[in-house]
Amino acid sequence: MTPKQLVPAVVLPLIAWRIYYRVRRNIGRQPFKPGRMTAAIVSFGLLTLFVAVGASTHLPSLGALGGGLVLGIPLAMYGLHLTKFETTPDGKFYTPNTGIGIALTVLFFGRMGYRMFVVMDSPPPQGVPALPLYHSPLTLLIFGVTTGYYITYYGGARRRGQHPI
């Protein structure tokens, strides 16, 4: 196997595993854990900040990232509206809307997989440096929608779950 064939052979199963893991986590009733939600908010926030710093030299991508973050907010508010919260003798639980979480996860990982193949498969023209993955406005738009959704969703779910249900 050549390196061009080896990388997709290793990366594709990892992408498939992450999609499966995220989809499985988004299905069904989940225990309400404010600490875990806070960790997710901080993680997504830091990741978004790092990507924004990397894309700061490419303004169309930075704008797409910001636009995606803004688009993720109403989507998260709708997702929160569809989320069911309940208190049982076993503790607090919430059941997120499965469709939104799965759609965002598949869209994001699908786009990342596509970008990896495009960047790896086509060598840059002579004298032109290769563009990083984050120099694609569409990729950063999708990334922004995903992170904007999860930051807003977990923040709202954490706040809503703190109150008696």
C-alpha atoms as a PDB file:
ATOM      1  CA  MET A   1       0.000   0.000   0.000  1.00  0.00           C
ATOM      2  CA  THR A   2       1.183   3.470  -0.827  1.00  0.00           C
ATOM      3  CA  PRO A   3       0.955   6.283   1.749  1.00  0.00           C
ATOM      4  CA  LYS A   4      -1.937   7.797  -0.246  1.00  0.00           C
ATOM      5  CA  GLN A   5      -3.858   4.552   0.162  1.00  0.00           C
ATOM      6  CA  LEU A   6      -2.753   3.868   3.732  1.00  0.00           C
ATOM      7  CA  VAL A   7      -3.973   7.144   5.240  1.00  0.00           C
ATOM      8  CA  PRO A   8      -7.608   6.710   4.061  1.00  0.00           C
ATOM      9  CA  ALA A   9      -7.500   3.059   5.119  1.00  0.00           C
ATOM     10  CA  VAL A  10      -6.624   4.172   8.648  1.00  0.00           C
ATOM     11  CA  VAL A  11      -8.662   7.382   8.794  1.00  0.00           C
ATOM     12  CA  LEU A  12     -11.952   6.049   7.379  1.00  0.00           C
ATOM     13  CA  PRO A  13     -12.463   3.459  10.120  1.00  0.00           C
ATOM     14  CA  LEU A  14     -11.663   6.121  12.746  1.00  0.00           C
ATOM     15  CA  ILE A  15     -14.226   8.489  11.216  1.00  0.00           C
ATOM     16  CA  ALA A  16     -16.803   5.694  11.073  1.00  0.00           C
ATOM     17  CA  TRP A  17     -16.122   4.796  14.713  1.00  0.00           C
ATOM     18  CA  ARG A  18     -16.521   8.455  15.826  1.00  0.00           C
ATOM     19  CA  ILE A  19     -19.783   8.779  13.918  1.00  0.00           C
ATOM     20  CA  TYR A  20     -21.066   5.559  15.477  1.00  0.00           C
ATOM     21  CA  TYR A  21     -19.996   6.699  18.965  1.00  0.00           C
ATOM     22  CA  ARG A  22     -21.596  10.150  18.600  1.00  0.00           C
ATOM     23  CA  VAL A  23     -24.812   8.708  17.155  1.00  0.00           C
ATOM     24  CA  ARG A  24     -25.033   6.131  19.912  1.00  0.00           C
ATOM     25  CA  ARG A  25     -24.507   8.821  22.552  1.00  0.00           C
ATOM     26  CA  ASN A  26     -27.271  10.974  21.075  1.00  0.00           C
ATOM     27  CA  ILE A  27     -29.896   8.254  21.203  1.00  0.00           C
ATOM     28  CA  GLY A  28     -32.138   7.696  24.184  1.00  0.00           C
ATOM     29  CA  ARG A  29     -32.372   8.954  27.711  1.00  0.00           C
ATOM     30  CA  GLN A  30     -29.167  10.267  29.234  1.00  0.00           C
ATOM     31  CA  PRO A  31     -28.263  11.100  32.816  1.00  0.00           C
ATOM     32  CA  PHE A  32     -28.139  14.812  33.563  1.00  0.00           C
ATOM     33  CA  LYS A  33     -24.502  15.604  34.420  1.00  0.00           C
ATOM     34  CA  PRO A  34     -23.810  19.339  34.662  1.00  0.00           C
ATOM     35  CA  GLY A  35     -20.041  18.804  34.924  1.00  0.00           C
ATOM     36  CA  ARG A  36     -19.948  16.838  31.700  1.00  0.00           C
ATOM     37  CA  MET A  37     -22.005  19.508  29.955  1.00  0.00           C
ATOM     38  CA  THR A  38     -19.660  22.221  31.203  1.00  0.00           C
ATOM     39  CA  ALA A  39     -16.665  20.222  29.963  1.00  0.00           C
ATOM     40  CA  ALA A  40     -18.323  19.896  26.545  1.00  0.00           C
ATOM     41  CA  ILE A  41     -19.027  23.647  26.408  1.00  0.00           C
ATOM     42  CA  VAL A  42     -15.413  24.470  27.298  1.00  0.00           C
ATOM     43  CA  SER A  43     -14.020  21.864  24.871  1.00  0.00           C
ATOM     44  CA  PHE A  44     -16.144  23.048  21.952  1.00  0.00           C
ATOM     45  CA  GLY A  45     -15.378  26.672  22.825  1.00  0.00           C
ATOM     46  CA  LEU A  46     -11.616  26.111  22.906  1.00  0.00           C
ATOM     47  CA  LEU A  47     -11.682  24.059  19.720  1.00  0.00           C
ATOM     48  CA  THR A  48     -13.635  26.818  17.994  1.00  0.00           C
ATOM     49  CA  LEU A  49     -11.171  29.417  19.256  1.00  0.00           C
ATOM     50  CA  PHE A  50      -8.184  27.420  17.957  1.00  0.00           C
ATOM     51  CA  VAL A  51      -9.818  26.970  14.553  1.00  0.00           C
ATOM     52  CA  ALA A  52     -10.695  30.688  14.438  1.00  0.00           C
ATOM     53  CA  VAL A  53      -7.081  31.622  15.191  1.00  0.00           C
ATOM     54  CA  GLY A  54      -5.901  29.249  12.444  1.00  0.00           C
ATOM     55  CA  ALA A  55      -8.396  30.692   9.977  1.00  0.00           C
ATOM     56  CA  SER A  56      -7.717  34.319  10.911  1.00  0.00           C
ATOM     57  CA  THR A  57      -5.528  34.808   7.846  1.00  0.00           C
ATOM     58  CA  HIS A  58      -8.318  33.623   5.540  1.00  0.00           C
ATOM     59  CA  LEU A  59     -11.203  36.026   6.130  1.00  0.00           C
ATOM     60  CA  PRO A  60     -13.878  34.205   4.058  1.00  0.00           C
ATOM     61  CA  SER A  61     -13.352  31.099   6.194  1.00  0.00           C
ATOM     62  CA  LEU A  62     -13.388  33.111   9.394  1.00  0.00           C
ATOM     63  CA  GLY A  63     -16.643  34.749   8.307  1.00  0.00           C
ATOM     64  CA  ALA A  64     -18.138  31.351   7.484  1.00  0.00           C
ATOM     65  CA  LEU A  65     -17.136  30.086  10.931  1.00  0.00           C
ATOM     66  CA  GLY A  66     -18.849  33.054  12.574  1.00  0.00           C
ATOM     67  CA  GLY A  67     -21.925  32.609  10.401  1.00  0.00           C
ATOM     68  CA  GLY A  68     -22.053  28.929  11.297  1.00  0.00           C
ATOM     69  CA  LEU A  69     -21.860  29.731  15.002  1.00  0.00           C
ATOM     70  CA  VAL A  70     -24.777  32.129  14.635  1.00  0.00           C
ATOM     71  CA  LEU A  71     -26.809  29.567  12.641  1.00  0.00           C
ATOM     72  CA  GLY A  72     -26.188  26.930  15.316  1.00  0.00           C
ATOM     73  CA  ILE A  73     -27.905  28.992  18.018  1.00  0.00           C
ATOM     74  CA  PRO A  74     -31.527  28.841  16.769  1.00  0.00           C
ATOM     75  CA  LEU A  75     -31.020  25.200  15.836  1.00  0.00           C
ATOM     76  CA  ALA A  76     -29.938  24.490  19.425  1.00  0.00           C
ATOM     77  CA  MET A  77     -32.894  26.427  20.806  1.00  0.00           C
ATOM     78  CA  TYR A  78     -35.193  24.280  18.681  1.00  0.00           C
ATOM     79  CA  GLY A  79     -33.346  21.162  19.868  1.00  0.00           C
ATOM     80  CA  LEU A  80     -33.818  22.273  23.483  1.00  0.00           C
ATOM     81  CA  HIS A  81     -37.521  22.772  22.822  1.00  0.00           C
ATOM     82  CA  LEU A  82     -37.708  19.143  21.643  1.00  0.00           C
ATOM     83  CA  THR A  83     -35.653  17.791  24.558  1.00  0.00           C
ATOM     84  CA  LYS A  84     -37.508  15.958  27.313  1.00  0.00           C
ATOM     85  CA  PHE A  85     -36.321  16.431  30.904  1.00  0.00           C
ATOM     86  CA  GLU A  86     -37.459  14.168  33.717  1.00  0.00           C
ATOM     87  CA  THR A  87     -36.722  13.500  37.362  1.00  0.00           C
ATOM     88  CA  THR A  88     -37.012   9.954  38.642  1.00  0.00           C
ATOM     89  CA  PRO A  89     -35.980   8.271  41.885  1.00  0.00           C
ATOM     90  CA  ASP A  90     -32.781   7.320  40.005  1.00  0.00           C
ATOM     91  CA  GLY A  91     -31.954  10.968  39.285  1.00  0.00           C
ATOM     92  CA  LYS A  92     -32.389  13.572  36.590  1.00  0.00           C
ATOM     93  CA  PHE A  93     -32.402  12.596  32.929  1.00  0.00           C
ATOM     94  CA  TYR A  94     -32.842  14.252  29.573  1.00  0.00           C
ATOM     95  CA  THR A  95     -33.674  12.842  26.155  1.00  0.00           C
ATOM     96  CA  PRO A  96     -32.278  14.959  23.303  1.00  0.00           C
ATOM     97  CA  ASN A  97     -33.799  15.065  19.845  1.00  0.00           C
ATOM     98  CA  THR A  98     -32.052  12.292  17.980  1.00  0.00           C
ATOM     99  CA  GLY A  99     -32.490  13.652  14.460  1.00  0.00           C
ATOM    100  CA  ILE A 100     -30.696  16.955  14.954  1.00  0.00           C
ATOM    101  CA  GLY A 101     -27.683  15.445  16.730  1.00  0.00           C
ATOM    102  CA  ILE A 102     -27.273  12.666  14.180  1.00  0.00           C
ATOM    103  CA  ALA A 103     -27.701  15.020  11.217  1.00  0.00           C
ATOM    104  CA  LEU A 104     -25.063  17.448  12.510  1.00  0.00           C
ATOM    105  CA  THR A 105     -22.619  14.675  13.337  1.00  0.00           C
ATOM    106  CA  VAL A 106     -22.951  12.965   9.956  1.00  0.00           C
ATOM    107  CA  LEU A 107     -22.780  16.295   8.105  1.00  0.00           C
ATOM    108  CA  PHE A 108     -19.646  17.388   9.965  1.00  0.00           C
ATOM    109  CA  PHE A 109     -17.737  14.112   9.737  1.00  0.00           C
ATOM    110  CA  GLY A 110     -18.830  13.622   6.134  1.00  0.00           C
ATOM    111  CA  ARG A 111     -17.496  17.058   5.217  1.00  0.00           C
ATOM    112  CA  MET A 112     -14.228  16.449   7.074  1.00  0.00           C
ATOM    113  CA  GLY A 113     -13.775  13.127   5.296  1.00  0.00           C
ATOM    114  CA  TYR A 114     -14.480  14.757   1.941  1.00  0.00           C
ATOM    115  CA  ARG A 115     -12.002  17.576   2.630  1.00  0.00           C
ATOM    116  CA  MET A 116      -9.303  15.112   3.660  1.00  0.00           C
ATOM    117  CA  PHE A 117      -9.687  13.219   0.413  1.00  0.00           C
ATOM    118  CA  VAL A 118      -9.704  16.393  -1.682  1.00  0.00           C
ATOM    119  CA  VAL A 119      -6.605  17.787   0.027  1.00  0.00           C
ATOM    120  CA  MET A 120      -4.732  14.467  -0.035  1.00  0.00           C
ATOM    121  CA  ASP A 121      -5.758  13.453  -3.548  1.00  0.00           C
ATOM    122  CA  SER A 122      -4.906  16.646  -5.417  1.00  0.00           C
ATOM    123  CA  PRO A 123      -1.377  17.979  -5.114  1.00  0.00           C
ATOM    124  CA  PRO A 124      -1.096  21.782  -5.090  1.00  0.00           C
ATOM    125  CA  PRO A 125       0.069  23.480  -8.284  1.00  0.00           C
ATOM    126  CA  GLN A 126       3.792  24.184  -8.569  1.00  0.00           C
ATOM    127  CA  GLY A 127       4.902  26.967  -6.253  1.00  0.00           C
ATOM    128  CA  VAL A 128       1.580  27.146  -4.376  1.00  0.00           C
ATOM    129  CA  PRO A 129       1.574  25.915  -0.757  1.00  0.00           C
ATOM    130  CA  ALA A 130      -1.092  23.400   0.231  1.00  0.00           C
ATOM    131  CA  LEU A 131      -4.131  24.913   1.931  1.00  0.00           C
ATOM    132  CA  PRO A 132      -4.988  23.613   5.390  1.00  0.00           C
ATOM    133  CA  LEU A 133      -8.367  22.006   5.981  1.00  0.00           C
ATOM    134  CA  TYR A 134      -9.678  25.142   7.668  1.00  0.00           C
ATOM    135  CA  HIS A 135      -9.258  27.291   4.556  1.00  0.00           C
ATOM    136  CA  SER A 136     -12.536  26.020   3.163  1.00  0.00           C
ATOM    137  CA  PRO A 137     -15.443  28.340   3.996  1.00  0.00           C
ATOM    138  CA  LEU A 138     -18.008  25.533   3.605  1.00  0.00           C
ATOM    139  CA  THR A 139     -16.078  23.305   5.998  1.00  0.00           C
ATOM    140  CA  LEU A 140     -15.870  26.059   8.598  1.00  0.00           C
ATOM    141  CA  LEU A 141     -19.538  26.933   8.119  1.00  0.00           C
ATOM    142  CA  ILE A 142     -20.481  23.334   8.934  1.00  0.00           C
ATOM    143  CA  PHE A 143     -17.985  23.262  11.807  1.00  0.00           C
ATOM    144  CA  GLY A 144     -19.432  26.525  13.143  1.00  0.00           C
ATOM    145  CA  VAL A 145     -23.009  25.256  12.981  1.00  0.00           C
ATOM    146  CA  THR A 146     -21.966  22.091  14.816  1.00  0.00           C
ATOM    147  CA  THR A 147     -20.009  23.834  17.570  1.00  0.00           C
ATOM    148  CA  GLY A 148     -22.538  26.667  17.880  1.00  0.00           C
ATOM    149  CA  TYR A 149     -25.271  24.085  18.270  1.00  0.00           C
ATOM    150  CA  TYR A 150     -23.501  22.038  20.944  1.00  0.00           C
ATOM    151  CA  ILE A 151     -22.245  25.039  22.942  1.00  0.00           C
ATOM    152  CA  THR A 152     -25.726  26.564  23.004  1.00  0.00           C
ATOM    153  CA  TYR A 153     -27.514  23.245  23.491  1.00  0.00           C
ATOM    154  CA  TYR A 154     -25.395  22.100  26.428  1.00  0.00           C
ATOM    155  CA  GLY A 155     -25.547  25.570  27.992  1.00  0.00           C
ATOM    156  CA  GLY A 156     -29.336  25.625  27.722  1.00  0.00           C
ATOM    157  CA  ALA A 157     -29.749  22.024  28.838  1.00  0.00           C
ATOM    158  CA  ARG A 158     -27.473  22.626  31.812  1.00  0.00           C
ATOM    159  CA  ARG A 159     -29.434  25.714  32.815  1.00  0.00           C
ATOM    160  CA  ARG A 160     -32.818  24.089  32.270  1.00  0.00           C
ATOM    161  CA  GLY A 161     -31.815  20.914  34.108  1.00  0.00           C
ATOM    162  CA  GLN A 162     -30.624  22.810  37.197  1.00  0.00           C
ATOM    163  CA  HIS A 163     -34.178  23.891  37.939  1.00  0.00           C
ATOM    164  CA  PRO A 164     -36.711  21.444  39.343  1.00  0.00           C
ATOM    165  CA  ILE A 165     -38.259  19.538  36.493  1.00  0.00           C
END
